[in-house]
Amino acid sequence: MRKGTQKMQGTTKQQLEILMNRYPELRSIKNEIIEAYRLLKTCYENDGKILIAGNGGSATDAETMVGELLKGFKLSIQPAA
């Protein structure tokens, strides 16, 4: 199989489809999004560390990204309809 096209679990696949339907302009980079997800998942499964940094406005973006990632670990988030 091509990189980024291996079988995904149901909920993850559903969330990806919701994302693609909501933001169709992302379809051109769908495989890259899948690969980024897999890298983050593998890092988490192996007790790895993800470092996110920014300067100025980019620091705010980085802080928001961290908040979104942590929210998924602290809350039971239901998929959007």
N, C-alpha and C. Protein backbone atom coordinates (compact mmCIF):
# COMPACT_ATOMS: atom_id res chain seq x y z
N MET A 1 0.83 -1.20 0.00
CA MET A 1 0.00 0.00 0.00
C MET A 1 0.87 1.25 0.00
N ARG A 2 0.34 2.30 -0.59
CA ARG A 2 1.06 3.56 -0.59
C ARG A 2 1.10 4.15 0.81
N LYS A 3 2.13 4.93 1.05
CA LYS A 3 2.27 5.61 2.34
C LYS A 3 1.03 6.45 2.63
N GLY A 4 0.49 6.29 3.87
CA GLY A 4 -0.66 7.08 4.26
C GLY A 4 -2.00 6.49 3.88
N THR A 5 -2.00 5.31 3.23
CA THR A 5 -3.28 4.73 2.82
C THR A 5 -3.60 3.43 3.55
N GLN A 6 -2.79 3.01 4.53
CA GLN A 6 -3.10 1.82 5.29
C GLN A 6 -4.43 2.00 6.00
N LYS A 7 -5.06 0.88 6.37
CA LYS A 7 -6.38 0.92 7.01
C LYS A 7 -6.35 1.70 8.32
N MET A 8 -7.32 2.58 8.50
CA MET A 8 -7.46 3.36 9.72
C MET A 8 -8.63 2.81 10.52
N GLN A 9 -8.63 3.04 11.83
CA GLN A 9 -9.73 2.62 12.68
C GLN A 9 -10.97 3.45 12.37
N GLY A 10 -12.15 2.87 12.66
CA GLY A 10 -13.42 3.48 12.32
C GLY A 10 -13.60 4.93 12.72
N THR A 11 -13.46 5.25 14.01
CA THR A 11 -13.69 6.61 14.48
C THR A 11 -12.72 7.59 13.83
N THR A 12 -11.47 7.20 13.71
CA THR A 12 -10.47 8.07 13.08
C THR A 12 -10.81 8.32 11.63
N LYS A 13 -11.22 7.27 10.94
CA LYS A 13 -11.59 7.40 9.53
C LYS A 13 -12.81 8.31 9.40
N GLN A 14 -13.78 8.16 10.30
CA GLN A 14 -14.97 9.02 10.27
C GLN A 14 -14.59 10.48 10.49
N GLN A 15 -13.71 10.73 11.45
CA GLN A 15 -13.29 12.11 11.72
C GLN A 15 -12.56 12.70 10.53
N LEU A 16 -11.75 11.88 9.85
CA LEU A 16 -11.05 12.36 8.66
C LEU A 16 -12.05 12.74 7.57
N GLU A 17 -13.08 11.94 7.39
CA GLU A 17 -14.08 12.24 6.38
C GLU A 17 -14.87 13.51 6.73
N ILE A 18 -15.16 13.69 8.02
CA ILE A 18 -15.83 14.92 8.46
C ILE A 18 -14.95 16.12 8.12
N LEU A 19 -13.65 16.01 8.41
CA LEU A 19 -12.70 17.09 8.12
C LEU A 19 -12.66 17.38 6.61
N MET A 20 -12.60 16.33 5.79
CA MET A 20 -12.52 16.51 4.34
C MET A 20 -13.81 17.14 3.79
N ASN A 21 -14.96 16.77 4.36
CA ASN A 21 -16.23 17.35 3.91
C ASN A 21 -16.36 18.81 4.33
N ARG A 22 -15.86 19.11 5.53
CA ARG A 22 -15.95 20.48 6.04
C ARG A 22 -14.96 21.42 5.34
N TYR A 23 -13.79 20.88 5.02
CA TYR A 23 -12.73 21.68 4.38
C TYR A 23 -12.24 20.96 3.12
N PRO A 24 -13.00 20.99 2.03
CA PRO A 24 -12.65 20.25 0.82
C PRO A 24 -11.28 20.61 0.25
N GLU A 25 -10.79 21.79 0.55
CA GLU A 25 -9.47 22.19 0.03
C GLU A 25 -8.35 21.34 0.62
N LEU A 26 -8.63 20.61 1.70
CA LEU A 26 -7.62 19.73 2.31
C LEU A 26 -7.50 18.38 1.62
N ARG A 27 -8.42 18.06 0.72
CA ARG A 27 -8.37 16.76 0.03
C ARG A 27 -7.05 16.53 -0.69
N SER A 28 -6.45 17.59 -1.19
CA SER A 28 -5.19 17.44 -1.93
C SER A 28 -4.03 17.01 -1.03
N ILE A 29 -4.18 17.19 0.29
CA ILE A 29 -3.11 16.78 1.21
C ILE A 29 -3.61 15.73 2.21
N LYS A 30 -4.64 14.99 1.82
CA LYS A 30 -5.23 13.98 2.70
C LYS A 30 -4.19 12.96 3.16
N ASN A 31 -3.36 12.45 2.25
CA ASN A 31 -2.35 11.46 2.63
C ASN A 31 -1.33 12.03 3.62
N GLU A 32 -0.99 13.29 3.48
CA GLU A 32 -0.06 13.92 4.40
C GLU A 32 -0.69 14.07 5.79
N ILE A 33 -1.99 14.37 5.83
CA ILE A 33 -2.70 14.47 7.11
C ILE A 33 -2.71 13.11 7.79
N ILE A 34 -2.98 12.05 7.02
CA ILE A 34 -2.98 10.69 7.58
C ILE A 34 -1.59 10.35 8.11
N GLU A 35 -0.56 10.69 7.37
CA GLU A 35 0.81 10.38 7.81
C GLU A 35 1.16 11.16 9.08
N ALA A 36 0.75 12.42 9.17
CA ALA A 36 1.00 13.21 10.38
C ALA A 36 0.29 12.58 11.57
N TYR A 37 -0.95 12.14 11.37
CA TYR A 37 -1.69 11.45 12.44
C TYR A 37 -0.93 10.21 12.89
N ARG A 38 -0.47 9.44 11.93
CA ARG A 38 0.25 8.19 12.27
C ARG A 38 1.53 8.47 13.05
N LEU A 39 2.24 9.52 12.67
CA LEU A 39 3.47 9.88 13.39
C LEU A 39 3.16 10.27 14.83
N LEU A 40 2.12 11.08 15.02
CA LEU A 40 1.72 11.48 16.38
C LEU A 40 1.28 10.26 17.19
N LYS A 41 0.50 9.39 16.58
CA LYS A 41 0.01 8.19 17.27
C LYS A 41 1.16 7.28 17.67
N THR A 42 2.10 7.06 16.76
CA THR A 42 3.25 6.22 17.05
C THR A 42 4.09 6.81 18.17
N CYS A 43 4.28 8.11 18.13
CA CYS A 43 5.04 8.79 19.18
C CYS A 43 4.36 8.57 20.53
N TYR A 44 3.06 8.76 20.60
CA TYR A 44 2.30 8.58 21.84
C TYR A 44 2.39 7.13 22.33
N GLU A 45 2.21 6.19 21.43
CA GLU A 45 2.23 4.77 21.80
C GLU A 45 3.60 4.33 22.32
N ASN A 46 4.64 5.02 21.91
CA ASN A 46 6.00 4.66 22.34
C ASN A 46 6.51 5.58 23.44
N ASP A 47 5.58 6.25 24.15
CA ASP A 47 5.94 7.16 25.23
C ASP A 47 6.91 8.25 24.78
N GLY A 48 6.75 8.67 23.54
CA GLY A 48 7.61 9.71 22.99
C GLY A 48 7.18 11.10 23.43
N LYS A 49 7.88 12.07 22.93
CA LYS A 49 7.63 13.46 23.29
C LYS A 49 7.43 14.26 22.01
N ILE A 50 6.41 15.11 22.02
CA ILE A 50 6.15 15.99 20.89
C ILE A 50 6.45 17.41 21.35
N LEU A 51 7.38 18.06 20.69
CA LEU A 51 7.75 19.43 21.04
C LEU A 51 7.12 20.37 20.01
N ILE A 52 6.38 21.36 20.51
CA ILE A 52 5.72 22.34 19.65
C ILE A 52 6.16 23.72 20.12
N ALA A 53 6.67 24.52 19.21
CA ALA A 53 7.20 25.83 19.60
C ALA A 53 6.78 26.89 18.59
N GLY A 54 6.86 28.12 19.02
CA GLY A 54 6.58 29.24 18.13
C GLY A 54 7.09 30.52 18.76
N ASN A 55 7.12 31.60 17.97
CA ASN A 55 7.59 32.89 18.42
C ASN A 55 6.54 33.93 18.02
N GLY A 56 6.10 34.73 18.97
CA GLY A 56 5.08 35.74 18.66
C GLY A 56 3.75 35.08 18.39
N GLY A 57 3.13 35.41 17.26
CA GLY A 57 1.84 34.83 16.89
C GLY A 57 1.92 33.33 16.71
N SER A 58 3.06 32.85 16.26
CA SER A 58 3.25 31.41 16.10
C SER A 58 3.25 30.69 17.44
N ALA A 59 3.68 31.39 18.50
CA ALA A 59 3.64 30.81 19.84
C ALA A 59 2.19 30.61 20.28
N THR A 60 1.34 31.53 19.91
CA THR A 60 -0.08 31.40 20.22
C THR A 60 -0.67 30.22 19.46
N ASP A 61 -0.30 30.07 18.19
CA ASP A 61 -0.75 28.92 17.41
C ASP A 61 -0.27 27.62 18.04
N ALA A 62 0.99 27.60 18.48
CA ALA A 62 1.55 26.41 19.11
C ALA A 62 0.81 26.08 20.41
N GLU A 63 0.51 27.09 21.20
CA GLU A 63 -0.21 26.89 22.46
C GLU A 63 -1.61 26.34 22.19
N THR A 64 -2.28 26.84 21.16
CA THR A 64 -3.61 26.35 20.79
C THR A 64 -3.54 24.89 20.37
N MET A 65 -2.52 24.55 19.59
CA MET A 65 -2.36 23.16 19.14
C MET A 65 -2.16 22.23 20.33
N VAL A 66 -1.34 22.63 21.27
CA VAL A 66 -1.10 21.82 22.47
C VAL A 66 -2.41 21.64 23.24
N GLY A 67 -3.16 22.71 23.38
CA GLY A 67 -4.44 22.63 24.08
C GLY A 67 -5.39 21.66 23.41
N GLU A 68 -5.44 21.68 22.10
CA GLU A 68 -6.31 20.76 21.37
C GLU A 68 -5.86 19.32 21.54
N LEU A 69 -4.56 19.09 21.50
CA LEU A 69 -4.05 17.73 21.69
C LEU A 69 -4.34 17.21 23.10
N LEU A 70 -4.10 18.05 24.10
CA LEU A 70 -4.33 17.64 25.49
C LEU A 70 -5.80 17.43 25.79
N LYS A 71 -6.65 18.23 25.17
CA LYS A 71 -8.09 18.10 25.39
C LYS A 71 -8.55 16.68 25.04
N GLY A 72 -7.98 16.12 24.00
CA GLY A 72 -8.33 14.76 23.60
C GLY A 72 -7.94 13.72 24.62
N PHE A 73 -6.93 14.00 25.43
CA PHE A 73 -6.49 13.05 26.45
C PHE A 73 -7.27 13.21 27.74
N LYS A 74 -7.76 14.41 28.01
CA LYS A 74 -8.42 14.69 29.28
C LYS A 74 -9.93 14.54 29.21
N LEU A 75 -10.52 14.69 28.03
CA LEU A 75 -11.97 14.64 27.86
C LEU A 75 -12.34 13.48 26.95
N SER A 76 -13.49 12.93 27.17
CA SER A 76 -14.04 11.95 26.24
C SER A 76 -14.76 12.71 25.16
N ILE A 77 -14.12 12.90 24.03
CA ILE A 77 -14.68 13.72 22.94
C ILE A 77 -15.45 12.83 21.99
N GLN A 78 -16.71 13.20 21.75
CA GLN A 78 -17.55 12.48 20.82
C GLN A 78 -17.33 13.07 19.42
N PRO A 79 -17.33 12.21 18.39
CA PRO A 79 -17.16 12.71 17.02
C PRO A 79 -18.28 13.70 16.66
N ALA A 80 -17.91 14.71 15.90
CA ALA A 80 -18.89 15.70 15.43
C ALA A 80 -19.85 15.04 14.44
N ALA A 81 -21.08 15.45 14.47
CA ALA A 81 -22.08 14.86 13.56
C ALA A 81 -22.01 15.48 12.19
